[in-house]
PDB file of all heavy atoms in Angstrom:
ATOM      1  N   MET A   1     -23.730  16.207  -3.025  1.00  0.00           N
ATOM      2  CA  MET A   1     -23.096  14.902  -2.919  1.00  0.00           C
ATOM      3  C   MET A   1     -21.572  15.019  -2.826  1.00  0.00           C
ATOM      4  O   MET A   1     -20.919  14.240  -2.130  1.00  0.00           O
ATOM      5  CB  MET A   1     -23.485  14.025  -4.116  1.00  0.00           C
ATOM      6  CG  MET A   1     -24.943  13.601  -4.133  1.00  0.00           C
ATOM      7  SD  MET A   1     -25.408  12.595  -2.703  1.00  0.00           S
ATOM      8  CE  MET A   1     -26.498  13.682  -1.814  1.00  0.00           C
ATOM      9  N   GLY A   2     -21.013  16.009  -3.511  1.00  0.00           N
ATOM     10  CA  GLY A   2     -19.572  16.216  -3.445  1.00  0.00           C
ATOM     11  C   GLY A   2     -19.121  16.596  -2.052  1.00  0.00           C
ATOM     12  O   GLY A   2     -18.106  16.107  -1.538  1.00  0.00           O
ATOM     13  N   ARG A   3     -19.892  17.491  -1.404  1.00  0.00           N
ATOM     14  CA  ARG A   3     -19.529  17.888  -0.048  1.00  0.00           C
ATOM     15  C   ARG A   3     -19.734  16.723   0.923  1.00  0.00           C
ATOM     16  O   ARG A   3     -18.988  16.583   1.896  1.00  0.00           O
ATOM     17  CB  ARG A   3     -20.368  19.098   0.385  1.00  0.00           C
ATOM     18  CG  ARG A   3     -20.213  20.337  -0.475  1.00  0.00           C
ATOM     19  CD  ARG A   3     -18.841  20.985  -0.431  1.00  0.00           C
ATOM     20  NE  ARG A   3     -17.765  20.266  -1.094  1.00  0.00           N
ATOM     21  CZ  ARG A   3     -17.567  20.254  -2.413  1.00  0.00           C
ATOM     22  NH1 ARG A   3     -18.381  20.879  -3.229  1.00  0.00           N
ATOM     23  NH2 ARG A   3     -16.529  19.598  -2.916  1.00  0.00           N
ATOM     24  N   ARG A   4     -20.761  15.919   0.666  1.00  0.00           N
ATOM     25  CA  ARG A   4     -20.987  14.732   1.505  1.00  0.00           C
ATOM     26  C   ARG A   4     -19.793  13.798   1.411  1.00  0.00           C
ATOM     27  O   ARG A   4     -19.306  13.274   2.407  1.00  0.00           O
ATOM     28  CB  ARG A   4     -22.265  14.035   1.030  1.00  0.00           C
ATOM     29  CG  ARG A   4     -22.665  12.803   1.830  1.00  0.00           C
ATOM     30  CD  ARG A   4     -23.942  12.209   1.222  1.00  0.00           C
ATOM     31  NE  ARG A   4     -24.541  11.235   2.102  1.00  0.00           N
ATOM     32  CZ  ARG A   4     -24.258   9.934   2.095  1.00  0.00           C
ATOM     33  NH1 ARG A   4     -23.354   9.468   1.270  1.00  0.00           N
ATOM     34  NH2 ARG A   4     -24.871   9.105   2.924  1.00  0.00           N
ATOM     35  N   MET A   5     -19.327  13.565   0.169  1.00  0.00           N
ATOM     36  CA  MET A   5     -18.175  12.691  -0.030  1.00  0.00           C
ATOM     37  C   MET A   5     -16.930  13.256   0.644  1.00  0.00           C
ATOM     38  O   MET A   5     -16.198  12.547   1.335  1.00  0.00           O
ATOM     39  CB  MET A   5     -17.931  12.495  -1.529  1.00  0.00           C
ATOM     40  CG  MET A   5     -16.737  11.591  -1.866  1.00  0.00           C
ATOM     41  SD  MET A   5     -15.167  12.488  -1.982  1.00  0.00           S
ATOM     42  CE  MET A   5     -15.361  13.298  -3.570  1.00  0.00           C
ATOM     43  N   GLU A   6     -16.698  14.561   0.465  1.00  0.00           N
ATOM     44  CA  GLU A   6     -15.492  15.180   1.020  1.00  0.00           C
ATOM     45  C   GLU A   6     -15.470  15.080   2.545  1.00  0.00           C
ATOM     46  O   GLU A   6     -14.435  14.764   3.141  1.00  0.00           O
ATOM     47  CB  GLU A   6     -15.420  16.645   0.584  1.00  0.00           C
ATOM     48  CG  GLU A   6     -14.127  17.335   0.962  1.00  0.00           C
ATOM     49  CD  GLU A   6     -13.997  18.710   0.334  1.00  0.00           C
ATOM     50  OE1 GLU A   6     -14.417  18.896  -0.829  1.00  0.00           O
ATOM     51  OE2 GLU A   6     -13.464  19.603   1.017  1.00  0.00           O
ATOM     52  N   THR A   7     -16.620  15.322   3.187  1.00  0.00           N
ATOM     53  CA  THR A   7     -16.693  15.216   4.644  1.00  0.00           C
ATOM     54  C   THR A   7     -16.460  13.780   5.088  1.00  0.00           C
ATOM     55  O   THR A   7     -15.762  13.521   6.077  1.00  0.00           O
ATOM     56  CB  THR A   7     -18.064  15.703   5.155  1.00  0.00           C
ATOM     57  OG1 THR A   7     -18.272  17.046   4.700  1.00  0.00           O
ATOM     58  CG2 THR A   7     -18.120  15.672   6.673  1.00  0.00           C
ATOM     59  N   GLY A   8     -17.033  12.827   4.339  1.00  0.00           N
ATOM     60  CA  GLY A   8     -16.832  11.420   4.669  1.00  0.00           C
ATOM     61  C   GLY A   8     -15.379  11.005   4.556  1.00  0.00           C
ATOM     62  O   GLY A   8     -14.851  10.287   5.415  1.00  0.00           O
ATOM     63  N   VAL A   9     -14.694  11.481   3.512  1.00  0.00           N
ATOM     64  CA  VAL A   9     -13.291  11.106   3.304  1.00  0.00           C
ATOM     65  C   VAL A   9     -12.409  11.651   4.417  1.00  0.00           C
ATOM     66  O   VAL A   9     -11.581  10.926   4.984  1.00  0.00           O
ATOM     67  CB  VAL A   9     -12.782  11.587   1.931  1.00  0.00           C
ATOM     68  CG1 VAL A   9     -11.263  11.429   1.826  1.00  0.00           C
ATOM     69  CG2 VAL A   9     -13.440  10.796   0.812  1.00  0.00           C
ATOM     70  N   ILE A  10     -12.566  12.931   4.758  1.00  0.00           N
ATOM     71  CA  ILE A  10     -11.703  13.479   5.809  1.00  0.00           C
ATOM     72  C   ILE A  10     -11.989  12.804   7.147  1.00  0.00           C
ATOM     73  O   ILE A  10     -11.085  12.626   7.977  1.00  0.00           O
ATOM     74  CB  ILE A  10     -11.809  15.022   5.917  1.00  0.00           C
ATOM     75  CG1 ILE A  10     -10.718  15.553   6.850  1.00  0.00           C
ATOM     76  CG2 ILE A  10     -13.172  15.472   6.364  1.00  0.00           C
ATOM     77  CD1 ILE A  10     -10.635  17.046   6.949  1.00  0.00           C
ATOM     78  N   ALA A  11     -13.241  12.386   7.375  1.00  0.00           N
ATOM     79  CA  ALA A  11     -13.569  11.664   8.602  1.00  0.00           C
ATOM     80  C   ALA A  11     -12.843  10.328   8.645  1.00  0.00           C
ATOM     81  O   ALA A  11     -12.322   9.909   9.685  1.00  0.00           O
ATOM     82  CB  ALA A  11     -15.077  11.461   8.703  1.00  0.00           C
ATOM     83  N   VAL A  12     -12.802   9.626   7.502  1.00  0.00           N
ATOM     84  CA  VAL A  12     -12.082   8.352   7.417  1.00  0.00           C
ATOM     85  C   VAL A  12     -10.595   8.581   7.669  1.00  0.00           C
ATOM     86  O   VAL A  12      -9.945   7.843   8.426  1.00  0.00           O
ATOM     87  CB  VAL A  12     -12.315   7.688   6.045  1.00  0.00           C
ATOM     88  CG1 VAL A  12     -11.356   6.513   5.846  1.00  0.00           C
ATOM     89  CG2 VAL A  12     -13.753   7.204   5.925  1.00  0.00           C
ATOM     90  N   LEU A  13     -10.019   9.597   7.024  1.00  0.00           N
ATOM     91  CA  LEU A  13      -8.593   9.880   7.185  1.00  0.00           C
ATOM     92  C   LEU A  13      -8.262  10.237   8.635  1.00  0.00           C
ATOM     93  O   LEU A  13      -7.191   9.882   9.138  1.00  0.00           O
ATOM     94  CB  LEU A  13      -8.176  11.020   6.256  1.00  0.00           C
ATOM     95  CG  LEU A  13      -8.340  10.768   4.750  1.00  0.00           C
ATOM     96  CD1 LEU A  13      -7.861  11.976   3.950  1.00  0.00           C
ATOM     97  CD2 LEU A  13      -7.579   9.512   4.317  1.00  0.00           C
ATOM     98  N   ALA A  14      -9.190  10.924   9.307  1.00  0.00           N
ATOM     99  CA  ALA A  14      -8.967  11.276  10.707  1.00  0.00           C
ATOM    100  C   ALA A  14      -8.959  10.037  11.592  1.00  0.00           C
ATOM    101  O   ALA A  14      -8.148   9.918  12.512  1.00  0.00           O
ATOM    102  CB  ALA A  14     -10.034  12.260  11.181  1.00  0.00           C
ATOM    103  N   GLN A  15      -9.876   9.111  11.331  1.00  0.00           N
ATOM    104  CA  GLN A  15      -9.899   7.871  12.101  1.00  0.00           C
ATOM    105  C   GLN A  15      -8.608   7.081  11.913  1.00  0.00           C
ATOM    106  O   GLN A  15      -8.132   6.412  12.823  1.00  0.00           O
ATOM    107  CB  GLN A  15     -11.093   7.005  11.665  1.00  0.00           C
ATOM    108  CG  GLN A  15     -12.444   7.533  12.121  1.00  0.00           C
ATOM    109  CD  GLN A  15     -12.698   7.237  13.583  1.00  0.00           C
ATOM    110  OE1 GLN A  15     -12.783   6.092  13.995  1.00  0.00           O
ATOM    111  NE2 GLN A  15     -12.801   8.281  14.381  1.00  0.00           N
ATOM    112  N   LEU A  16      -8.034   7.185  10.703  1.00  0.00           N
ATOM    113  CA  LEU A  16      -6.777   6.480  10.402  1.00  0.00           C
ATOM    114  C   LEU A  16      -5.553   7.234  10.912  1.00  0.00           C
ATOM    115  O   LEU A  16      -4.467   6.668  10.973  1.00  0.00           O
ATOM    116  CB  LEU A  16      -6.634   6.307   8.881  1.00  0.00           C
ATOM    117  CG  LEU A  16      -7.623   5.387   8.181  1.00  0.00           C
ATOM    118  CD1 LEU A  16      -7.563   5.596   6.682  1.00  0.00           C
ATOM    119  CD2 LEU A  16      -7.337   3.922   8.532  1.00  0.00           C
ATOM    120  N   ARG A  17      -5.724   8.522  11.218  1.00  0.00           N
ATOM    121  CA  ARG A  17      -4.602   9.420  11.494  1.00  0.00           C
ATOM    122  C   ARG A  17      -3.607   9.359  10.336  1.00  0.00           C
ATOM    123  O   ARG A  17      -2.389   9.282  10.520  1.00  0.00           O
ATOM    124  CB  ARG A  17      -3.933   9.070  12.837  1.00  0.00           C
ATOM    125  CG  ARG A  17      -4.920   9.049  14.006  1.00  0.00           C
ATOM    126  CD  ARG A  17      -4.258   8.852  15.346  1.00  0.00           C
ATOM    127  NE  ARG A  17      -3.382   7.687  15.427  1.00  0.00           N
ATOM    128  CZ  ARG A  17      -3.808   6.433  15.534  1.00  0.00           C
ATOM    129  NH1 ARG A  17      -5.121   6.161  15.566  1.00  0.00           N
ATOM    130  NH2 ARG A  17      -2.958   5.442  15.628  1.00  0.00           N
ATOM    131  N   ALA A  18      -4.154   9.392   9.132  1.00  0.00           N
ATOM    132  CA  ALA A  18      -3.339   9.253   7.918  1.00  0.00           C
ATOM    133  C   ALA A  18      -2.535  10.516   7.663  1.00  0.00           C
ATOM    134  O   ALA A  18      -3.033  11.629   7.825  1.00  0.00           O
ATOM    135  CB  ALA A  18      -4.240   8.955   6.722  1.00  0.00           C
ATOM    136  N   LYS A  19      -1.288  10.330   7.230  1.00  0.00           N
ATOM    137  CA  LYS A  19      -0.390  11.463   7.005  1.00  0.00           C
ATOM    138  C   LYS A  19       0.194  11.394   5.598  1.00  0.00           C
ATOM    139  O   LYS A  19       0.825  10.421   5.219  1.00  0.00           O
ATOM    140  CB  LYS A  19       0.738  11.451   8.038  1.00  0.00           C
ATOM    141  CG  LYS A  19       1.639  12.682   7.975  1.00  0.00           C
ATOM    142  CD  LYS A  19       2.666  12.647   9.101  1.00  0.00           C
ATOM    143  CE  LYS A  19       3.509  13.917   9.116  1.00  0.00           C
ATOM    144  NZ  LYS A  19       4.492  13.914  10.235  1.00  0.00           N
ATOM    145  N   ARG A  20      -0.053  12.471   4.836  1.00  0.00           N
ATOM    146  CA  ARG A  20       0.480  12.598   3.484  1.00  0.00           C
ATOM    147  C   ARG A  20       0.534  14.078   3.143  1.00  0.00           C
ATOM    148  O   ARG A  20      -0.062  14.909   3.833  1.00  0.00           O
ATOM    149  CB  ARG A  20      -0.414  11.888   2.446  1.00  0.00           C
ATOM    150  CG  ARG A  20      -0.292  10.372   2.388  1.00  0.00           C
ATOM    151  CD  ARG A  20       1.040   9.963   1.773  1.00  0.00           C
ATOM    152  NE  ARG A  20       1.116   8.527   1.534  1.00  0.00           N
ATOM    153  CZ  ARG A  20       1.630   7.645   2.386  1.00  0.00           C
ATOM    154  NH1 ARG A  20       2.082   8.054   3.575  1.00  0.00           N
ATOM    155  NH2 ARG A  20       1.694   6.358   2.077  1.00  0.00           N
ATOM    156  N   ASN A  21       1.207  14.419   2.041  1.00  0.00           N
ATOM    157  CA  ASN A  21       1.057  15.763   1.489  1.00  0.00           C
ATOM    158  C   ASN A  21      -0.119  15.678   0.523  1.00  0.00           C
ATOM    159  O   ASN A  21       0.036  15.395  -0.665  1.00  0.00           O
ATOM    160  CB  ASN A  21       2.333  16.210   0.767  1.00  0.00           C
ATOM    161  CG  ASN A  21       2.273  17.677   0.345  1.00  0.00           C
ATOM    162  OD1 ASN A  21       1.207  18.175  -0.028  1.00  0.00           O
ATOM    163  ND2 ASN A  21       3.395  18.357   0.389  1.00  0.00           N
ATOM    164  N   TRP A  22      -1.314  15.889   1.061  1.00  0.00           N
ATOM    165  CA  TRP A  22      -2.547  15.740   0.276  1.00  0.00           C
ATOM    166  C   TRP A  22      -2.597  16.764  -0.850  1.00  0.00           C
ATOM    167  O   TRP A  22      -3.160  16.502  -1.918  1.00  0.00           O
ATOM    168  CB  TRP A  22      -3.773  15.881   1.185  1.00  0.00           C
ATOM    169  CG  TRP A  22      -3.703  15.004   2.397  1.00  0.00           C
ATOM    170  CD1 TRP A  22      -3.421  15.394   3.678  1.00  0.00           C
ATOM    171  CD2 TRP A  22      -3.854  13.569   2.438  1.00  0.00           C
ATOM    172  NE1 TRP A  22      -3.405  14.290   4.512  1.00  0.00           N
ATOM    173  CE2 TRP A  22      -3.667  13.175   3.785  1.00  0.00           C
ATOM    174  CE3 TRP A  22      -4.139  12.602   1.473  1.00  0.00           C
ATOM    175  CZ2 TRP A  22      -3.748  11.840   4.185  1.00  0.00           C
ATOM    176  CZ3 TRP A  22      -4.227  11.274   1.872  1.00  0.00           C
ATOM    177  CH2 TRP A  22      -4.034  10.902   3.201  1.00  0.00           C
ATOM    178  N   HIS A  23      -1.972  17.896  -0.640  1.00  0.00           N
ATOM    179  CA  HIS A  23      -1.940  18.943  -1.663  1.00  0.00           C
ATOM    180  C   HIS A  23      -1.204  18.460  -2.912  1.00  0.00           C
ATOM    181  O   HIS A  23      -1.671  18.689  -4.039  1.00  0.00           O
ATOM    182  CB  HIS A  23      -1.257  20.196  -1.107  1.00  0.00           C
ATOM    183  CG  HIS A  23      -1.010  21.253  -2.140  1.00  0.00           C
ATOM    184  ND1 HIS A  23      -2.025  22.039  -2.649  1.00  0.00           N
ATOM    185  CD2 HIS A  23       0.130  21.644  -2.784  1.00  0.00           C
ATOM    186  CE1 HIS A  23      -1.513  22.873  -3.551  1.00  0.00           C
ATOM    187  NE2 HIS A  23      -0.222  22.654  -3.642  1.00  0.00           N
ATOM    188  N   ARG A  24      -0.068  17.802  -2.717  1.00  0.00           N
ATOM    189  CA  ARG A  24       0.712  17.333  -3.870  1.00  0.00           C
ATOM    190  C   ARG A  24      -0.065  16.296  -4.673  1.00  0.00           C
ATOM    191  O   ARG A  24       0.044  16.229  -5.896  1.00  0.00           O
ATOM    192  CB  ARG A  24       2.047  16.764  -3.396  1.00  0.00           C
ATOM    193  CG  ARG A  24       3.030  17.836  -2.948  1.00  0.00           C
ATOM    194  CD  ARG A  24       3.603  18.574  -4.128  1.00  0.00           C
ATOM    195  NE  ARG A  24       4.133  19.886  -3.743  1.00  0.00           N
ATOM    196  CZ  ARG A  24       4.617  20.765  -4.599  1.00  0.00           C
ATOM    197  NH1 ARG A  24       4.608  20.502  -5.890  1.00  0.00           N
ATOM    198  NH2 ARG A  24       5.060  21.918  -4.183  1.00  0.00           N
ATOM    199  N   ILE A  25      -0.855  15.489  -3.983  1.00  0.00           N
ATOM    200  CA  ILE A  25      -1.692  14.509  -4.697  1.00  0.00           C
ATOM    201  C   ILE A  25      -2.785  15.245  -5.462  1.00  0.00           C
ATOM    202  O   ILE A  25      -3.042  14.960  -6.636  1.00  0.00           O
ATOM    203  CB  ILE A  25      -2.298  13.486  -3.706  1.00  0.00           C
ATOM    204  CG1 ILE A  25      -1.176  12.720  -2.979  1.00  0.00           C
ATOM    205  CG2 ILE A  25      -3.217  12.508  -4.452  1.00  0.00           C
ATOM    206  CD1 ILE A  25      -1.671  11.834  -1.841  1.00  0.00           C
ATOM    207  N   MET A  26      -3.428  16.218  -4.808  1.00  0.00           N
ATOM    208  CA  MET A  26      -4.490  16.978  -5.466  1.00  0.00           C
ATOM    209  C   MET A  26      -3.976  17.720  -6.698  1.00  0.00           C
ATOM    210  O   MET A  26      -4.687  17.855  -7.701  1.00  0.00           O
ATOM    211  CB  MET A  26      -5.100  17.970  -4.463  1.00  0.00           C
ATOM    212  CG  MET A  26      -6.253  18.799  -4.991  1.00  0.00           C
ATOM    213  SD  MET A  26      -7.732  17.824  -5.425  1.00  0.00           S
ATOM    214  CE  MET A  26      -8.416  17.503  -3.792  1.00  0.00           C
ATOM    215  N   ARG A  27      -2.712  18.152  -6.664  1.00  0.00           N
ATOM    216  CA  ARG A  27      -2.147  18.876  -7.805  1.00  0.00           C
ATOM    217  C   ARG A  27      -2.085  18.006  -9.066  1.00  0.00           C
ATOM    218  O   ARG A  27      -2.123  18.519 -10.187  1.00  0.00           O
ATOM    219  CB  ARG A  27      -0.738  19.392  -7.475  1.00  0.00           C
ATOM    220  CG  ARG A  27      -0.712  20.543  -6.487  1.00  0.00           C
ATOM    221  CD  ARG A  27       0.701  21.089  -6.329  1.00  0.00           C
ATOM    222  NE  ARG A  27       1.114  21.799  -7.536  1.00  0.00           N
ATOM    223  CZ  ARG A  27       0.977  23.099  -7.719  1.00  0.00           C
ATOM    224  NH1 ARG A  27       0.423  23.853  -6.777  1.00  0.00           N
ATOM    225  NH2 ARG A  27       1.392  23.659  -8.837  1.00  0.00           N
ATOM    226  N   GLU A  28      -2.010  16.698  -8.890  1.00  0.00           N
ATOM    227  CA  GLU A  28      -2.009  15.800 -10.051  1.00  0.00           C
ATOM    228  C   GLU A  28      -3.284  15.976 -10.867  1.00  0.00           C
ATOM    229  O   GLU A  28      -3.268  15.855 -12.083  1.00  0.00           O
ATOM    230  CB  GLU A  28      -1.874  14.342  -9.598  1.00  0.00           C
ATOM    231  CG  GLU A  28      -0.563  14.018  -8.893  1.00  0.00           C
ATOM    232  CD  GLU A  28      -0.556  12.600  -8.345  1.00  0.00           C
ATOM    233  OE1 GLU A  28      -1.321  11.754  -8.859  1.00  0.00           O
ATOM    234  OE2 GLU A  28       0.204  12.331  -7.399  1.00  0.00           O
ATOM    235  N   TRP A  29      -4.381  16.276 -10.179  1.00  0.00           N
ATOM    236  CA  TRP A  29      -5.679  16.414 -10.855  1.00  0.00           C
ATOM    237  C   TRP A  29      -5.978  17.856 -11.244  1.00  0.00           C
ATOM    238  O   TRP A  29      -6.605  18.103 -12.266  1.00  0.00           O
ATOM    239  CB  TRP A  29      -6.795  15.881  -9.956  1.00  0.00           C
ATOM    240  CG  TRP A  29      -6.567  14.486  -9.479  1.00  0.00           C
ATOM    241  CD1 TRP A  29      -6.149  13.421 -10.234  1.00  0.00           C
ATOM    242  CD2 TRP A  29      -6.725  13.992  -8.145  1.00  0.00           C
ATOM    243  NE1 TRP A  29      -6.040  12.302  -9.452  1.00  0.00           N
ATOM    244  CE2 TRP A  29      -6.387  12.610  -8.161  1.00  0.00           C
ATOM    245  CE3 TRP A  29      -7.118  14.565  -6.943  1.00  0.00           C
ATOM    246  CZ2 TRP A  29      -6.431  11.810  -7.021  1.00  0.00           C
ATOM    247  CZ3 TRP A  29      -7.160  13.772  -5.803  1.00  0.00           C
ATOM    248  CH2 TRP A  29      -6.827  12.411  -5.850  1.00  0.00           C
ATOM    249  N   VAL A  30      -5.541  18.802 -10.418  1.00  0.00           N
ATOM    250  CA  VAL A  30      -5.877  20.202 -10.684  1.00  0.00           C
ATOM    251  C   VAL A  30      -4.893  20.848 -11.657  1.00  0.00           C
ATOM    252  O   VAL A  30      -5.284  21.652 -12.506  1.00  0.00           O
ATOM    253  CB  VAL A  30      -5.927  20.998  -9.360  1.00  0.00           C
ATOM    254  CG1 VAL A  30      -6.196  22.487  -9.624  1.00  0.00           C
ATOM    255  CG2 VAL A  30      -7.021  20.434  -8.448  1.00  0.00           C
ATOM    256  N   TYR A  31      -3.600  20.464 -11.561  1.00  0.00           N
ATOM    257  CA  TYR A  31      -2.580  21.100 -12.398  1.00  0.00           C
ATOM    258  C   TYR A  31      -1.891  20.141 -13.358  1.00  0.00           C
ATOM    259  O   TYR A  31      -0.962  20.534 -14.070  1.00  0.00           O
ATOM    260  CB  TYR A  31      -1.512  21.758 -11.517  1.00  0.00           C
ATOM    261  CG  TYR A  31      -2.041  22.855 -10.633  1.00  0.00           C
ATOM    262  CD1 TYR A  31      -2.272  22.639  -9.279  1.00  0.00           C
ATOM    263  CD2 TYR A  31      -2.319  24.119 -11.154  1.00  0.00           C
ATOM    264  CE1 TYR A  31      -2.757  23.644  -8.451  1.00  0.00           C
ATOM    265  CE2 TYR A  31      -2.813  25.132 -10.346  1.00  0.00           C
ATOM    266  CZ  TYR A  31      -3.033  24.888  -9.002  1.00  0.00           C
ATOM    267  OH  TYR A  31      -3.512  25.892  -8.194  1.00  0.00           O
ATOM    268  N   ALA A  32      -2.309  18.879 -13.371  1.00  0.00           N
ATOM    269  CA  ALA A  32      -1.657  17.855 -14.201  1.00  0.00           C
ATOM    270  C   ALA A  32      -0.181  17.714 -13.851  1.00  0.00           C
ATOM    271  O   ALA A  32       0.663  17.451 -14.710  1.00  0.00           O
ATOM    272  CB  ALA A  32      -1.832  18.163 -15.688  1.00  0.00           C
ATOM    273  N   ASP A  33       0.159  17.889 -12.553  1.00  0.00           N
ATOM    274  CA  ASP A  33       1.538  17.708 -12.100  1.00  0.00           C
ATOM    275  C   ASP A  33       1.946  16.249 -12.200  1.00  0.00           C
ATOM    276  O   ASP A  33       1.094  15.345 -12.260  1.00  0.00           O
ATOM    277  CB  ASP A  33       1.673  18.155 -10.639  1.00  0.00           C
ATOM    278  CG  ASP A  33       1.802  19.660 -10.491  1.00  0.00           C
ATOM    279  OD1 ASP A  33       1.630  20.369 -11.504  1.00  0.00           O
ATOM    280  OD2 ASP A  33       2.057  20.120  -9.357  1.00  0.00           O
ATOM    281  N   GLU A  34       3.243  16.020 -12.175  1.00  0.00           N
ATOM    282  CA  GLU A  34       3.755  14.650 -12.146  1.00  0.00           C
ATOM    283  C   GLU A  34       3.325  13.969 -10.847  1.00  0.00           C
ATOM    284  O   GLU A  34       3.084  14.644  -9.831  1.00  0.00           O
ATOM    285  CB  GLU A  34       5.281  14.673 -12.247  1.00  0.00           C
ATOM    286  CG  GLU A  34       5.809  15.085 -13.608  1.00  0.00           C
ATOM    287  CD  GLU A  34       5.346  14.143 -14.719  1.00  0.00           C
ATOM    288  OE1 GLU A  34       5.530  12.911 -14.556  1.00  0.00           O
ATOM    289  OE2 GLU A  34       4.767  14.625 -15.705  1.00  0.00           O
ATOM    290  N   PRO A  35       3.235  12.645 -10.843  1.00  0.00           N
ATOM    291  CA  PRO A  35       2.803  11.930  -9.634  1.00  0.00           C
ATOM    292  C   PRO A  35       3.649  12.305  -8.419  1.00  0.00           C
ATOM    293  O   PRO A  35       4.874  12.437  -8.520  1.00  0.00           O
ATOM    294  CB  PRO A  35       2.992  10.461 -10.008  1.00  0.00           C
ATOM    295  CG  PRO A  35       2.887  10.431 -11.491  1.00  0.00           C
ATOM    296  CD  PRO A  35       3.459  11.726 -11.968  1.00  0.00           C
ATOM    297  N   ALA A  36       2.975  12.451  -7.284  1.00  0.00           N
ATOM    298  CA  ALA A  36       3.649  12.913  -6.063  1.00  0.00           C
ATOM    299  C   ALA A  36       4.105  11.770  -5.167  1.00  0.00           C
ATOM    300  O   ALA A  36       4.905  11.977  -4.263  1.00  0.00           O
ATOM    301  CB  ALA A  36       2.706  13.829  -5.282  1.00  0.00           C
ATOM    302  N   THR A  37       3.570  10.576  -5.375  1.00  0.00           N
ATOM    303  CA  THR A  37       3.893   9.436  -4.516  1.00  0.00           C
ATOM    304  C   THR A  37       4.101   8.192  -5.371  1.00  0.00           C
ATOM    305  O   THR A  37       3.808   8.176  -6.568  1.00  0.00           O
ATOM    306  CB  THR A  37       2.748   9.153  -3.523  1.00  0.00           C
ATOM    307  OG1 THR A  37       1.597   8.709  -4.266  1.00  0.00           O
ATOM    308  CG2 THR A  37       2.376  10.387  -2.715  1.00  0.00           C
TER     309      THR A  37
END
């Protein structure tokens, strides 16, 4: 289910042509970094 969700999300982002530093956002959850946006 996790891989299903991940594929669905990137497909949505591709349709939007969304642009962000997705890594910096992910670091908030993986490394408890300060908010990136």
